[in-house]
N, C-alpha and C. Protein backbone atom coordinates (compact mmCIF):
# COMPACT_ATOMS: atom_id res chain seq x y z
N GLU A 1 -21.43 -2.87 59.49
CA GLU A 1 -19.98 -2.31 59.29
C GLU A 1 -19.58 -2.41 58.04
N TYR A 2 -20.00 -3.39 57.36
CA TYR A 2 -19.47 -3.62 55.87
C TYR A 2 -20.03 -2.43 54.99
N LEU A 3 -21.44 -2.22 54.88
CA LEU A 3 -22.09 -1.16 54.69
C LEU A 3 -21.86 -0.06 54.82
N LYS A 4 -21.42 0.27 55.91
CA LYS A 4 -20.90 1.53 56.57
C LYS A 4 -19.57 1.94 56.07
N ASN A 5 -18.61 0.94 56.01
CA ASN A 5 -17.25 1.23 55.24
C ASN A 5 -17.82 1.47 53.58
N TYR A 6 -18.52 0.77 52.81
CA TYR A 6 -18.59 1.00 51.47
C TYR A 6 -19.33 1.96 51.42
N HIS A 7 -20.53 3.05 51.97
CA HIS A 7 -20.91 4.24 51.75
C HIS A 7 -20.10 5.31 51.64
N GLY A 8 -19.08 4.88 52.80
CA GLY A 8 -18.20 5.96 53.41
C GLY A 8 -17.07 6.07 52.53
N ARG A 9 -16.51 5.15 51.91
CA ARG A 9 -16.10 5.06 50.86
C ARG A 9 -16.10 5.59 49.32
N ARG A 10 -17.52 5.18 49.06
CA ARG A 10 -18.41 5.89 47.85
C ARG A 10 -18.22 7.56 48.02
N ARG A 11 -18.59 7.86 49.10
CA ARG A 11 -18.88 9.49 49.07
C ARG A 11 -17.43 9.80 49.53
N ARG A 12 -16.41 9.43 49.84
CA ARG A 12 -15.06 9.92 49.25
C ARG A 12 -14.86 9.60 47.68
N ALA A 13 -14.79 8.96 47.14
CA ALA A 13 -14.89 9.03 45.86
C ALA A 13 -15.64 9.67 45.23
N GLN A 14 -16.80 10.21 44.99
CA GLN A 14 -17.54 11.41 44.57
C GLN A 14 -17.38 12.13 45.02
N SER A 15 -16.50 12.64 46.20
CA SER A 15 -16.14 13.70 46.56
C SER A 15 -14.83 14.05 45.53
N SER A 16 -14.17 13.00 45.40
CA SER A 16 -12.72 13.35 44.66
C SER A 16 -12.90 13.31 43.55
N SER A 17 -13.74 12.77 42.98
CA SER A 17 -14.58 13.03 41.25
C SER A 17 -14.86 14.57 41.06
N SER A 18 -15.58 15.11 42.22
CA SER A 18 -16.23 16.22 42.22
C SER A 18 -14.92 17.31 42.05
N SER A 19 -13.62 16.93 43.21
CA SER A 19 -12.54 17.77 43.01
C SER A 19 -12.02 18.12 41.98
N CYS A 20 -11.64 16.75 40.80
CA CYS A 20 -11.06 16.82 39.76
C CYS A 20 -11.70 17.26 38.93
N GLU A 21 -13.08 17.37 38.78
CA GLU A 21 -14.01 18.16 38.11
C GLU A 21 -13.79 19.68 38.00
N LYS A 22 -13.57 20.19 39.07
CA LYS A 22 -14.00 21.66 39.92
C LYS A 22 -12.07 22.06 39.35
N LEU A 23 -10.97 21.30 39.36
CA LEU A 23 -9.62 21.06 39.00
C LEU A 23 -9.50 21.59 37.55
N ILE A 24 -10.26 20.30 37.15
CA ILE A 24 -10.16 20.51 35.60
C ILE A 24 -10.78 21.76 34.70
N ALA A 25 -12.35 21.89 35.31
CA ALA A 25 -12.73 23.25 34.99
C ALA A 25 -12.04 24.64 35.44
N SER A 26 -11.60 24.88 36.13
CA SER A 26 -10.63 25.74 36.65
C SER A 26 -9.27 26.02 35.84
N ALA A 27 -8.45 24.96 35.33
CA ALA A 27 -7.70 25.08 34.74
C ALA A 27 -7.76 26.00 33.29
N GLN A 28 -8.87 24.92 32.62
CA GLN A 28 -9.77 25.46 31.58
C GLN A 28 -10.58 26.88 31.74
N GLU A 29 -10.56 27.65 32.27
CA GLU A 29 -10.77 29.00 32.69
C GLU A 29 -9.86 29.51 32.52
N CYS A 30 -8.74 29.38 33.29
CA CYS A 30 -7.45 29.85 33.38
C CYS A 30 -6.90 30.13 32.04
N LEU A 31 -6.61 29.14 31.72
CA LEU A 31 -6.03 29.20 29.93
C LEU A 31 -6.75 29.99 28.88
N SER A 32 -8.17 30.02 29.35
CA SER A 32 -8.56 30.45 28.49
C SER A 32 -9.11 32.36 28.31
N CYS A 33 -8.34 32.56 29.79
CA CYS A 33 -8.67 34.02 30.23
C CYS A 33 -7.14 34.58 29.45
N GLN A 34 -5.99 34.13 29.09
CA GLN A 34 -4.81 34.43 28.81
C GLN A 34 -5.39 36.05 28.18
N THR A 35 -4.41 37.02 28.00
CA THR A 35 -4.37 38.42 27.54
C THR A 35 -3.59 38.15 26.75
N CYS A 36 -3.71 39.11 25.54
CA CYS A 36 -2.59 39.23 24.59
C CYS A 36 -2.35 40.68 24.85
N SER A 37 -0.78 40.14 24.38
CA SER A 37 0.12 41.61 24.56
C SER A 37 1.07 41.25 23.41
N THR A 38 1.27 42.84 22.89
CA THR A 38 2.12 42.93 21.78
C THR A 38 3.71 43.06 22.23
N GLU A 39 3.91 42.91 23.64
CA GLU A 39 5.14 43.29 23.82
C GLU A 39 5.49 41.53 24.07
N ASP A 40 4.94 40.51 24.36
CA ASP A 40 5.29 39.05 23.61
C ASP A 40 6.10 38.93 22.55
N LYS A 41 7.28 38.26 22.21
CA LYS A 41 8.04 38.33 20.94
C LYS A 41 7.59 37.36 20.11
N HIS A 42 6.41 36.46 20.60
CA HIS A 42 5.57 35.77 19.96
C HIS A 42 4.14 36.36 19.37
N VAL A 43 4.13 37.70 19.64
CA VAL A 43 2.76 37.85 19.13
C VAL A 43 2.84 39.08 18.45
N ASP A 44 2.53 39.60 16.49
CA ASP A 44 2.41 40.50 16.22
C ASP A 44 1.16 41.20 16.81
N CYS A 45 0.07 41.01 16.91
CA CYS A 45 -1.26 41.85 16.97
C CYS A 45 -2.23 41.12 17.71
N CYS A 46 -2.67 42.05 18.56
CA CYS A 46 -3.80 41.79 19.17
C CYS A 46 -5.23 41.97 18.58
N GLN A 47 -5.18 42.83 17.23
CA GLN A 47 -6.43 43.26 16.92
C GLN A 47 -5.44 44.06 15.32
N ASN A 48 -6.65 44.26 14.60
CA ASN A 48 -5.96 44.55 13.16
C ASN A 48 -5.21 45.90 13.33
N SER A 49 -5.38 46.91 14.30
CA SER A 49 -4.71 48.31 14.29
C SER A 49 -2.98 47.73 14.31
N ASP A 50 -2.92 46.85 15.61
CA ASP A 50 -1.53 46.49 15.63
C ASP A 50 -1.09 46.03 14.32
N CYS A 51 -1.27 46.09 13.59
CA CYS A 51 -0.33 45.17 12.19
C CYS A 51 0.41 46.48 11.80
N PRO A 52 1.33 46.46 11.06
CA PRO A 52 2.22 47.81 10.71
C PRO A 52 1.70 47.97 9.04
N ASN A 53 1.08 47.63 8.47
CA ASN A 53 0.40 47.77 7.28
C ASN A 53 -1.19 48.00 7.07
N GLU A 54 -1.81 49.39 6.89
CA GLU A 54 -2.35 49.84 7.11
C GLU A 54 -3.95 48.47 6.28
N ASN A 55 -3.84 47.66 5.28
CA ASN A 55 -4.51 46.81 4.89
C ASN A 55 -4.23 45.42 5.69
N ASP A 56 -3.48 45.25 6.71
CA ASP A 56 -3.18 43.88 7.07
C ASP A 56 -4.22 43.46 8.29
N ILE A 57 -4.42 42.27 8.37
CA ILE A 57 -5.48 42.00 9.27
C ILE A 57 -4.63 40.76 10.40
N CYS A 58 -5.24 41.10 11.21
CA CYS A 58 -4.78 40.01 12.89
C CYS A 58 -5.35 38.89 12.51
N ALA A 59 -4.59 37.59 12.63
CA ALA A 59 -5.49 36.51 12.86
C ALA A 59 -4.57 35.49 13.60
N ASN A 60 -5.15 35.30 14.92
CA ASN A 60 -4.37 34.65 15.74
C ASN A 60 -2.57 35.38 15.83
N GLN A 61 -2.88 36.52 16.44
CA GLN A 61 -2.00 37.02 16.70
C GLN A 61 -1.08 37.57 15.85
N SER A 62 -1.06 37.01 14.74
CA SER A 62 -0.04 36.71 13.18
C SER A 62 -0.84 38.32 12.56
N CYS A 63 0.03 38.84 12.00
CA CYS A 63 -0.52 40.09 10.91
C CYS A 63 -0.37 39.34 9.39
N PHE A 64 -1.41 39.18 8.17
CA PHE A 64 -1.81 38.91 7.19
C PHE A 64 -2.51 39.90 6.49
N PRO A 65 -1.04 40.14 4.77
CA PRO A 65 -2.09 40.54 3.89
C PRO A 65 -3.51 40.62 3.77
N ASP A 66 -4.37 41.91 3.90
CA ASP A 66 -5.97 41.48 3.10
C ASP A 66 -6.04 40.60 1.74
N GLY A 67 -7.27 40.17 1.78
CA GLY A 67 -7.32 39.62 0.48
C GLY A 67 -8.97 39.74 -0.40
N ASN A 68 -9.08 38.93 -1.40
CA ASN A 68 -10.38 38.94 -1.70
C ASN A 68 -10.35 37.85 -2.70
N PRO A 69 -10.47 36.72 -2.27
CA PRO A 69 -11.25 36.00 -1.17
C PRO A 69 -10.04 36.16 -0.67
N ARG A 70 -9.92 35.44 1.32
CA ARG A 70 -8.98 35.30 1.69
C ARG A 70 -9.36 33.82 2.29
N PHE A 71 -8.46 32.84 3.03
CA PHE A 71 -8.81 31.71 3.66
C PHE A 71 -7.71 31.79 5.02
N THR A 72 -8.06 31.44 6.12
CA THR A 72 -7.31 31.51 6.98
C THR A 72 -7.70 30.59 8.17
N LEU A 73 -6.66 29.63 8.50
CA LEU A 73 -6.67 28.53 9.51
C LEU A 73 -5.71 29.15 10.69
N THR A 74 -6.27 28.69 11.77
CA THR A 74 -5.73 28.78 13.30
C THR A 74 -5.77 27.69 13.85
N TRP A 75 -4.73 27.46 14.63
CA TRP A 75 -5.08 26.31 15.41
C TRP A 75 -3.97 26.58 16.73
N HIS A 76 -3.96 25.78 17.94
CA HIS A 76 -3.23 25.74 18.77
C HIS A 76 -2.88 24.52 19.11
N GLY A 77 -1.64 23.89 19.82
CA GLY A 77 -1.05 22.72 19.89
C GLY A 77 0.05 22.19 19.64
N ASP A 78 -0.06 21.10 18.97
CA ASP A 78 1.63 20.61 18.79
C ASP A 78 1.98 20.05 17.25
N ASP A 79 0.46 20.31 16.64
CA ASP A 79 0.34 19.40 15.52
C ASP A 79 0.98 20.29 14.45
N ASP A 80 1.53 19.92 13.06
CA ASP A 80 1.88 20.58 12.34
C ASP A 80 0.51 20.39 11.26
N LEU A 81 -0.09 21.52 11.08
CA LEU A 81 -1.29 21.36 9.83
C LEU A 81 -0.82 22.18 8.87
N ASP A 82 -1.35 22.04 7.41
CA ASP A 82 -1.07 22.97 6.47
C ASP A 82 -2.58 23.31 5.81
N LEU A 83 -2.80 24.45 5.55
CA LEU A 83 -3.91 25.27 4.45
C LEU A 83 -3.34 25.06 2.76
N HIS A 84 -4.86 24.37 2.58
CA HIS A 84 -4.51 24.39 0.84
C HIS A 84 -5.62 24.65 0.49
N VAL A 85 -5.34 25.91 -0.62
CA VAL A 85 -6.65 26.34 -1.44
C VAL A 85 -5.95 25.84 -3.06
N VAL A 86 -7.38 25.36 -3.57
CA VAL A 86 -6.72 24.78 -5.11
C VAL A 86 -7.78 25.95 -5.69
N SER A 87 -7.22 26.76 -6.71
CA SER A 87 -7.69 28.10 -7.16
C SER A 87 -8.59 27.64 -8.40
N PRO A 88 -9.35 28.59 -8.69
CA PRO A 88 -10.13 28.31 -9.80
C PRO A 88 -9.17 27.98 -11.34
N LYS A 89 -7.70 28.14 -11.26
CA LYS A 89 -7.05 27.63 -12.28
C LYS A 89 -6.50 26.40 -11.71
N GLY A 90 -6.93 25.65 -10.89
CA GLY A 90 -6.44 24.32 -10.55
C GLY A 90 -5.27 24.13 -10.01
N ILE A 91 -4.60 25.57 -9.53
CA ILE A 91 -3.63 25.27 -8.86
C ILE A 91 -3.45 25.28 -7.21
N ASP A 92 -2.70 24.19 -6.71
CA ASP A 92 -2.68 24.21 -5.18
C ASP A 92 -1.98 25.13 -4.51
N ILE A 93 -2.35 26.03 -3.80
CA ILE A 93 -1.63 27.03 -2.74
C ILE A 93 -1.21 26.68 -1.82
N SER A 94 -0.04 26.37 -1.38
CA SER A 94 0.20 25.90 0.48
C SER A 94 1.57 26.24 0.81
N SER A 95 1.82 25.73 1.64
CA SER A 95 3.19 26.02 2.55
C SER A 95 3.95 25.47 1.23
N LYS A 96 3.81 24.51 0.25
CA LYS A 96 4.79 24.06 -0.64
C LYS A 96 4.76 24.91 -1.46
N ASN A 97 3.96 25.57 -1.95
CA ASN A 97 3.67 25.92 -3.36
C ASN A 97 3.05 27.31 -3.34
N LYS A 98 3.81 28.26 -2.87
CA LYS A 98 3.31 29.69 -2.00
C LYS A 98 2.93 30.68 -2.68
N ARG A 99 2.67 30.41 -4.01
CA ARG A 99 2.63 31.65 -5.25
C ARG A 99 1.33 30.82 -6.40
N GLU A 100 0.30 31.36 -6.32
CA GLU A 100 -0.36 30.85 -7.66
C GLU A 100 0.40 30.89 -8.68
N ASN A 101 1.17 32.33 -8.90
CA ASN A 101 1.87 32.84 -10.20
C ASN A 101 3.37 32.75 -10.27
N GLU A 102 4.19 32.23 -10.22
CA GLU A 102 5.42 32.55 -9.67
C GLU A 102 6.19 33.62 -10.18
N ASN A 103 5.83 34.02 -11.71
CA ASN A 103 6.48 35.25 -12.70
C ASN A 103 5.92 36.17 -12.07
N ASN A 104 4.38 36.29 -11.29
CA ASN A 104 4.19 37.69 -11.28
C ASN A 104 3.25 37.53 -9.46
N ARG A 105 4.45 38.03 -9.12
CA ARG A 105 3.98 37.65 -7.49
C ARG A 105 3.02 38.95 -7.04
N GLU A 106 2.30 39.90 -7.98
CA GLU A 106 1.37 40.50 -7.46
C GLU A 106 0.10 40.21 -8.07
N SER A 107 0.01 38.90 -8.71
CA SER A 107 -1.38 38.52 -9.37
C SER A 107 -1.30 37.35 -8.36
N GLY A 108 -2.76 36.95 -8.50
CA GLY A 108 -2.98 35.52 -7.75
C GLY A 108 -2.91 34.94 -6.62
N GLY A 109 -3.26 33.62 -6.10
CA GLY A 109 -3.24 33.75 -4.39
C GLY A 109 -1.75 33.33 -4.04
N GLN A 110 -1.60 33.62 -2.64
CA GLN A 110 -0.32 33.69 -2.15
C GLN A 110 -0.43 32.84 -0.61
N TRP A 111 0.36 32.12 -0.38
CA TRP A 111 0.54 31.76 0.90
C TRP A 111 1.58 32.58 1.90
N ARG A 112 0.60 32.68 3.15
CA ARG A 112 1.71 33.29 4.26
C ARG A 112 1.75 32.53 5.66
N GLY A 113 2.36 32.05 6.49
CA GLY A 113 2.24 31.81 7.81
C GLY A 113 3.11 31.85 8.96
N ARG A 114 2.29 31.74 9.99
CA ARG A 114 2.97 31.78 11.18
C ARG A 114 2.90 30.83 12.13
N GLY A 115 4.36 30.22 12.12
CA GLY A 115 4.76 29.15 12.89
C GLY A 115 5.70 29.54 13.63
N GLN A 116 6.67 28.34 14.17
CA GLN A 116 7.99 28.14 15.14
C GLN A 116 8.34 26.82 14.27
N SER A 117 9.63 26.93 14.71
CA SER A 117 10.57 25.73 14.20
C SER A 117 10.20 24.21 14.99
N ILE A 118 9.44 24.39 16.00
CA ILE A 118 9.15 23.43 17.01
C ILE A 118 8.06 22.87 16.24
N GLN A 119 7.55 23.46 15.43
CA GLN A 119 6.39 22.73 15.02
C GLN A 119 5.90 21.52 14.58
N GLY A 120 5.15 20.59 15.26
CA GLY A 120 5.07 19.13 15.14
C GLY A 120 6.31 18.69 15.55
N LYS A 121 6.99 18.97 16.75
CA LYS A 121 7.60 18.41 17.48
C LYS A 121 7.38 18.17 18.95
N SER A 122 6.22 17.98 19.30
CA SER A 122 5.68 17.65 20.45
C SER A 122 5.86 18.85 21.67
N THR A 123 6.05 20.00 21.08
CA THR A 123 5.79 20.94 21.85
C THR A 123 4.47 22.43 21.92
N MET A 124 3.94 22.37 22.68
CA MET A 124 2.56 22.91 22.76
C MET A 124 3.28 24.59 22.50
N VAL A 125 2.47 25.05 21.34
CA VAL A 125 2.81 26.21 21.18
C VAL A 125 1.15 27.05 21.06
N GLU A 126 1.55 28.36 21.42
CA GLU A 126 -0.38 29.03 21.72
C GLU A 126 -0.68 29.43 20.45
N SER A 127 0.01 29.64 19.65
CA SER A 127 -0.80 30.03 18.06
C SER A 127 0.13 29.93 17.02
N TYR A 128 -0.73 28.81 16.03
CA TYR A 128 -0.23 28.43 14.51
C TYR A 128 -1.31 29.68 13.78
N ALA A 129 -0.80 29.98 12.64
CA ALA A 129 -1.71 30.60 11.53
C ALA A 129 -1.38 30.29 10.36
N GLU A 130 -1.89 29.69 8.97
CA GLU A 130 -1.83 29.93 7.94
C GLU A 130 -2.71 30.77 7.24
N HIS A 131 -2.23 31.44 5.85
CA HIS A 131 -3.20 32.13 5.17
C HIS A 131 -2.99 32.51 3.49
N ILE A 132 -3.70 31.99 3.08
CA ILE A 132 -3.95 32.47 1.55
C ILE A 132 -4.92 33.39 1.09
N TYR A 133 -4.41 34.19 0.67
CA TYR A 133 -5.17 35.69 0.23
C TYR A 133 -4.71 35.24 -1.76
N PHE A 134 -5.98 36.19 -2.42
CA PHE A 134 -5.64 36.66 -3.62
C PHE A 134 -5.76 37.84 -3.58
N PRO A 135 -5.51 38.69 -4.81
CA PRO A 135 -5.48 40.48 -5.17
C PRO A 135 -6.77 40.96 -4.41
N MET A 136 -6.59 41.98 -3.58
CA MET A 136 -8.29 42.57 -3.54
C MET A 136 -8.71 43.32 -4.82
N ASP A 137 -8.27 43.57 -6.13
CA ASP A 137 -8.80 43.93 -6.77
C ASP A 137 -9.39 42.44 -8.02
N SER A 138 -9.39 41.10 -7.02
CA SER A 138 -9.81 39.76 -7.67
C SER A 138 -11.48 39.83 -8.01
N THR A 139 -11.81 39.40 -9.11
CA THR A 139 -13.37 39.35 -9.35
C THR A 139 -14.28 38.24 -9.30
N CYS A 140 -12.99 37.32 -8.39
CA CYS A 140 -13.61 35.73 -8.36
C CYS A 140 -13.97 35.38 -9.60
N GLU A 141 -12.82 35.59 -10.89
CA GLU A 141 -12.93 35.00 -12.14
C GLU A 141 -14.38 35.05 -12.84
N ASP A 142 -14.90 36.61 -12.91
CA ASP A 142 -16.38 37.19 -12.62
C ASP A 142 -17.38 36.24 -12.31
N GLY A 143 -17.53 35.75 -11.34
CA GLY A 143 -18.48 35.30 -10.29
C GLY A 143 -18.68 33.60 -10.69
N LYS A 144 -17.44 33.32 -11.32
CA LYS A 144 -17.60 31.90 -11.80
C LYS A 144 -16.42 31.13 -11.03
N GLY A 145 -16.07 31.47 -10.18
CA GLY A 145 -14.67 30.75 -9.19
C GLY A 145 -15.08 29.91 -8.40
N VAL A 146 -15.01 28.85 -8.78
CA VAL A 146 -14.88 27.69 -7.39
C VAL A 146 -13.25 27.58 -6.83
N TYR A 147 -13.13 27.57 -5.55
CA TYR A 147 -11.95 27.65 -5.03
C TYR A 147 -12.19 26.44 -3.71
N GLN A 148 -11.60 25.28 -3.99
CA GLN A 148 -11.51 24.16 -3.07
C GLN A 148 -10.28 24.47 -2.08
N TYR A 149 -10.53 24.30 -0.70
CA TYR A 149 -10.22 24.58 0.59
C TYR A 149 -9.77 23.07 1.44
N PHE A 150 -8.84 22.92 2.13
CA PHE A 150 -9.24 21.96 2.82
C PHE A 150 -8.27 21.96 3.89
N VAL A 151 -7.93 21.47 5.12
CA VAL A 151 -6.45 21.25 5.60
C VAL A 151 -6.14 19.71 5.86
N LYS A 152 -4.48 19.77 5.55
CA LYS A 152 -3.75 18.70 5.62
C LYS A 152 -3.24 18.46 6.92
N GLN A 153 -2.99 17.10 7.55
CA GLN A 153 -2.15 17.30 9.03
C GLN A 153 -0.82 17.06 8.83
N SER A 154 0.00 17.71 8.41
CA SER A 154 1.59 16.95 8.16
C SER A 154 1.71 16.19 9.27
N SER A 155 1.50 16.37 10.16
CA SER A 155 2.33 15.54 11.34
C SER A 155 1.25 15.77 12.36
N LYS A 156 0.87 14.65 13.30
CA LYS A 156 0.50 14.27 14.64
C LYS A 156 1.24 14.20 15.36
N THR A 157 1.30 15.37 16.40
CA THR A 157 2.18 14.93 17.73
C THR A 157 1.46 14.83 18.94
N GLY A 158 1.42 13.70 19.98
CA GLY A 158 0.53 13.82 21.34
C GLY A 158 -0.32 12.60 21.03
N ILE A 159 -1.53 12.40 21.46
CA ILE A 159 -2.48 12.28 22.08
C ILE A 159 -3.79 12.12 21.28
N ARG A 160 -4.21 13.87 21.10
CA ARG A 160 -5.24 13.95 20.24
C ARG A 160 -4.74 14.73 18.91
N ASP A 161 -5.60 14.53 18.01
CA ASP A 161 -5.60 16.15 16.99
C ASP A 161 -5.86 17.35 17.44
N ASP A 162 -5.18 17.84 17.20
CA ASP A 162 -5.48 19.81 17.54
C ASP A 162 -6.64 20.10 16.83
N SER A 163 -7.03 21.10 17.51
CA SER A 163 -8.45 21.25 16.70
C SER A 163 -7.83 23.10 16.49
N TRP A 164 -9.00 22.88 15.27
CA TRP A 164 -8.27 24.13 14.75
C TRP A 164 -9.64 25.06 13.85
N ALA A 165 -9.62 26.37 13.24
CA ALA A 165 -10.58 26.70 12.92
C ALA A 165 -10.18 27.08 11.38
N LEU A 166 -11.41 27.42 10.73
CA LEU A 166 -11.16 27.66 8.93
C LEU A 166 -12.27 28.97 8.87
N SER A 167 -11.56 29.80 8.16
CA SER A 167 -12.39 31.15 8.12
C SER A 167 -12.33 31.41 6.44
N VAL A 168 -13.55 31.28 5.59
CA VAL A 168 -13.42 32.17 4.30
C VAL A 168 -13.95 33.78 4.38
N TYR A 169 -13.18 34.52 3.94
CA TYR A 169 -13.52 35.92 3.63
C TYR A 169 -13.90 36.25 2.24
N GLN A 170 -14.95 37.18 2.04
CA GLN A 170 -15.19 37.84 0.64
C GLN A 170 -15.71 39.61 0.83
N ASN A 171 -15.07 40.15 0.46
CA ASN A 171 -15.17 41.72 0.48
C ASN A 171 -15.41 41.95 1.70
N ASN A 172 -14.03 41.71 3.38
CA ASN A 172 -13.95 41.80 4.53
C ASN A 172 -15.37 40.97 5.05
N MET A 173 -15.90 40.31 4.41
CA MET A 173 -16.82 39.54 5.08
C MET A 173 -16.93 38.13 5.37
N GLU A 174 -16.92 37.39 6.66
CA GLU A 174 -16.83 35.71 6.70
C GLU A 174 -18.21 35.26 5.85
N THR A 175 -17.56 34.40 5.06
CA THR A 175 -18.60 33.81 4.41
C THR A 175 -18.79 32.48 4.86
N ASN A 176 -17.61 31.59 5.04
CA ASN A 176 -18.03 30.43 5.58
C ASN A 176 -16.48 30.00 6.89
N PHE A 177 -17.49 29.03 7.59
CA PHE A 177 -16.51 29.17 8.71
C PHE A 177 -16.59 27.25 9.58
N HIS A 178 -15.40 26.86 9.42
CA HIS A 178 -15.45 25.64 9.66
C HIS A 178 -14.58 25.17 10.97
N THR A 179 -14.65 24.26 11.97
CA THR A 179 -14.17 23.94 12.84
C THR A 179 -13.69 22.69 12.89
N GLY A 180 -12.37 21.89 13.17
CA GLY A 180 -12.28 20.37 13.09
C GLY A 180 -11.44 20.02 14.12
N SER A 181 -11.00 19.00 13.65
CA SER A 181 -9.58 18.33 14.65
C SER A 181 -8.89 17.75 13.32
N GLY A 182 -7.17 17.51 13.12
CA GLY A 182 -6.96 16.84 12.54
C GLY A 182 -7.36 17.25 10.85
N PRO A 183 -7.16 16.01 9.68
CA PRO A 183 -7.48 16.66 8.43
C PRO A 183 -9.17 17.26 8.51
N SER A 184 -9.20 17.87 7.42
CA SER A 184 -10.78 17.70 7.22
C SER A 184 -11.44 17.68 5.74
N PRO A 185 -12.75 17.64 5.39
CA PRO A 185 -12.57 16.98 4.12
C PRO A 185 -12.58 18.20 3.30
N VAL A 186 -12.83 17.95 2.10
CA VAL A 186 -12.64 19.22 1.16
C VAL A 186 -13.63 20.02 0.67
N PHE A 187 -13.72 21.59 0.81
CA PHE A 187 -14.64 22.13 0.78
C PHE A 187 -14.59 23.19 -0.23
N ASP A 188 -15.80 23.25 -0.57
CA ASP A 188 -15.96 24.62 -1.75
C ASP A 188 -16.42 25.52 -1.97
N TYR A 189 -16.01 26.52 -2.24
CA TYR A 189 -16.40 28.10 -1.76
C TYR A 189 -16.64 28.49 -3.39
N VAL A 190 -17.78 29.09 -3.51
CA VAL A 190 -18.44 29.27 -5.15
C VAL A 190 -18.49 30.84 -4.36
N CYS A 191 -17.56 31.62 -5.51
CA CYS A 191 -18.05 33.13 -5.51
C CYS A 191 -18.38 33.89 -6.83
């Protein structure tokens, strides 16, 4: 009798575990199939052609100026992450220092970001993006440019670090791609 009850409880526990796994998989599938719509007030774009300026690019539902090179950080969640790029001139460009050259807005690297005022305050947001770009006519310091770039976690909210993706583009081609969560190591991009 004891063994009969034991095996019955074990089958129910296995069935319950399987049901939970199915429910989790179903929820993940549902969240991953959300469609993009520019009718949503938090969505600038779903593709490059949705951006108002011809040379803008769409990253994580936000429009940004194109650049050469350009660095784009995207993530979903509730943490406050910051993209930093140290230019070949040694200037750290980020949300705290938005322009490499304060005196001339048209030269040097520039930071742009898309977030919400609730960033880092325990509220899930569908998409964040930060972007640092350099002028299109940039020559990468005549082939001798070394850019250092990294993700800094300004605030962590919740149980886990948010996952992020970081891409580097040169001449509209993705040259480097990294994924991670929380802060990143320092990466080098040599052009």
